[in-house]
Amino acid sequence: MAVTYHVGKHEDGYGYRLEKIWSETFPDHDTAFAAARAAAERQHLEGQDTEISYQLPAGSWRVEHVDGGDRPDTEVVDDESGSA
């Protein structure tokens, strides 16, 4: 599984997004890019095995067991320049 954060213009500044969900707005590109990199790095932190629940698009809920060591690959893409 891969997680890609995209950095670009958002509202009156810059932000980063995961799919269609945007972060808070930052005053400049560099600050938003640094925040996206920090979010991507946090994805690599191992945790404890646990049960998680989340809502599916149709409205039902799903419960899964997740391995605390199963961490995704991450990438930060600069939508302004098109590079990672």
C-alpha atoms as a PDB file:
ATOM      1  CA  MET A   1       0.000   0.000   0.000  1.00  0.00           C
ATOM      2  CA  ALA A   2       1.290   3.492  -0.841  1.00  0.00           C
ATOM      3  CA  VAL A   3       0.171   6.825   0.591  1.00  0.00           C
ATOM      4  CA  THR A   4       0.786   9.940  -1.522  1.00  0.00           C
ATOM      5  CA  TYR A   5       0.479  13.456  -0.145  1.00  0.00           C
ATOM      6  CA  HIS A   6       0.127  16.260  -2.704  1.00  0.00           C
ATOM      7  CA  VAL A   7       1.257  19.819  -1.938  1.00  0.00           C
ATOM      8  CA  GLY A   8      -0.350  22.734  -3.757  1.00  0.00           C
ATOM      9  CA  LYS A   9      -2.326  25.960  -3.577  1.00  0.00           C
ATOM     10  CA  HIS A  10      -5.212  25.750  -1.124  1.00  0.00           C
ATOM     11  CA  GLU A  11      -7.627  28.532  -0.206  1.00  0.00           C
ATOM     12  CA  ASP A  12      -5.521  31.682   0.426  1.00  0.00           C
ATOM     13  CA  GLY A  13      -2.215  29.841   0.823  1.00  0.00           C
ATOM     14  CA  TYR A  14      -0.872  26.319   0.465  1.00  0.00           C
ATOM     15  CA  GLY A  15      -1.751  22.953   1.872  1.00  0.00           C
ATOM     16  CA  TYR A  16      -1.301  19.256   1.357  1.00  0.00           C
ATOM     17  CA  ARG A  17      -3.920  16.682   0.553  1.00  0.00           C
ATOM     18  CA  LEU A  18      -4.417  12.963   0.726  1.00  0.00           C
ATOM     19  CA  GLU A  19      -6.763  12.067  -2.128  1.00  0.00           C
ATOM     20  CA  LYS A  20      -9.472  14.776  -1.845  1.00  0.00           C
ATOM     21  CA  ILE A  21      -8.960  15.727   1.805  1.00  0.00           C
ATOM     22  CA  TRP A  22      -6.937  18.902   2.431  1.00  0.00           C
ATOM     23  CA  SER A  23      -4.864  19.849   5.457  1.00  0.00           C
ATOM     24  CA  GLU A  24      -5.150  23.204   7.138  1.00  0.00           C
ATOM     25  CA  THR A  25      -3.921  26.154   5.082  1.00  0.00           C
ATOM     26  CA  PHE A  26      -0.307  27.251   5.476  1.00  0.00           C
ATOM     27  CA  PRO A  27       1.017  30.715   4.619  1.00  0.00           C
ATOM     28  CA  ASP A  28       3.583  29.505   2.087  1.00  0.00           C
ATOM     29  CA  HIS A  29       4.622  26.551  -0.047  1.00  0.00           C
ATOM     30  CA  ASP A  30       7.705  25.598   1.984  1.00  0.00           C
ATOM     31  CA  THR A  31       5.751  25.367   5.241  1.00  0.00           C
ATOM     32  CA  ALA A  32       3.061  23.215   3.601  1.00  0.00           C
ATOM     33  CA  PHE A  33       5.700  20.973   2.015  1.00  0.00           C
ATOM     34  CA  ALA A  34       7.462  20.511   5.382  1.00  0.00           C
ATOM     35  CA  ALA A  35       4.127  19.647   7.042  1.00  0.00           C
ATOM     36  CA  ALA A  36       3.362  17.082   4.321  1.00  0.00           C
ATOM     37  CA  ARG A  37       6.779  15.480   4.788  1.00  0.00           C
ATOM     38  CA  ALA A  38       6.201  15.312   8.548  1.00  0.00           C
ATOM     39  CA  ALA A  39       2.806  13.655   7.985  1.00  0.00           C
ATOM     40  CA  ALA A  40       4.410  11.157   5.597  1.00  0.00           C
ATOM     41  CA  GLU A  41       7.129  10.343   8.140  1.00  0.00           C
ATOM     42  CA  ARG A  42       4.540   9.724  10.869  1.00  0.00           C
ATOM     43  CA  GLN A  43       3.046   7.013   8.665  1.00  0.00           C
ATOM     44  CA  HIS A  44       6.255   5.009   9.255  1.00  0.00           C
ATOM     45  CA  LEU A  45       5.940   4.947  13.048  1.00  0.00           C
ATOM     46  CA  GLU A  46       5.127   1.483  14.295  1.00  0.00           C
ATOM     47  CA  GLY A  47       2.392   1.031  16.829  1.00  0.00           C
ATOM     48  CA  GLN A  48       0.614  -1.807  18.552  1.00  0.00           C
ATOM     49  CA  ASP A  49      -1.679  -4.297  16.898  1.00  0.00           C
ATOM     50  CA  THR A  50      -5.263  -3.114  17.285  1.00  0.00           C
ATOM     51  CA  GLU A  51      -8.788  -3.316  15.980  1.00  0.00           C
ATOM     52  CA  ILE A  52      -9.930  -0.368  13.884  1.00  0.00           C
ATOM     53  CA  SER A  53     -13.375   0.563  12.627  1.00  0.00           C
ATOM     54  CA  TYR A  54     -14.291   2.842   9.760  1.00  0.00           C
ATOM     55  CA  GLN A  55     -17.338   3.744   7.744  1.00  0.00           C
ATOM     56  CA  LEU A  56     -17.646   2.532   4.174  1.00  0.00           C
ATOM     57  CA  PRO A  57     -18.990   4.826   1.420  1.00  0.00           C
ATOM     58  CA  ALA A  58     -22.347   3.002   1.483  1.00  0.00           C
ATOM     59  CA  GLY A  59     -22.738   3.895   5.187  1.00  0.00           C
ATOM     60  CA  SER A  60     -22.023   0.543   6.852  1.00  0.00           C
ATOM     61  CA  TRP A  61     -19.141   0.088   9.282  1.00  0.00           C
ATOM     62  CA  ARG A  62     -16.229  -2.311   8.996  1.00  0.00           C
ATOM     63  CA  VAL A  63     -13.944  -3.621  11.761  1.00  0.00           C
ATOM     64  CA  GLU A  64     -10.466  -4.936  10.961  1.00  0.00           C
ATOM     65  CA  HIS A  65      -7.449  -6.163  12.858  1.00  0.00           C
ATOM     66  CA  VAL A  66      -4.323  -4.213  11.918  1.00  0.00           C
ATOM     67  CA  ASP A  67      -0.692  -5.125  12.532  1.00  0.00           C
ATOM     68  CA  GLY A  68       1.136  -2.255  14.237  1.00  0.00           C
ATOM     69  CA  GLY A  69       4.227  -2.989  12.128  1.00  0.00           C
ATOM     70  CA  ASP A  70       2.400  -2.936   8.787  1.00  0.00           C
ATOM     71  CA  ARG A  71       3.250   0.555   7.600  1.00  0.00           C
ATOM     72  CA  PRO A  72       2.640   1.991   4.124  1.00  0.00           C
ATOM     73  CA  ASP A  73       5.158   3.421   1.699  1.00  0.00           C
ATOM     74  CA  THR A  74       4.743   7.195   1.502  1.00  0.00           C
ATOM     75  CA  GLU A  75       5.525   9.890  -1.011  1.00  0.00           C
ATOM     76  CA  VAL A  76       5.141  13.681  -1.107  1.00  0.00           C
ATOM     77  CA  VAL A  77       4.432  15.177  -4.535  1.00  0.00           C
ATOM     78  CA  ASP A  78       4.824  18.884  -5.237  1.00  0.00           C
ATOM     79  CA  ASP A  79       1.871  19.683  -7.501  1.00  0.00           C
ATOM     80  CA  GLU A  80       3.479  23.052  -8.276  1.00  0.00           C
ATOM     81  CA  SER A  81       6.524  21.447  -9.927  1.00  0.00           C
ATOM     82  CA  GLY A  82       5.209  17.929 -10.530  1.00  0.00           C
ATOM     83  CA  SER A  83       8.089  16.325  -8.610  1.00  0.00           C
ATOM     84  CA  ALA A  84       8.463  14.324  -5.440  1.00  0.00           C
END
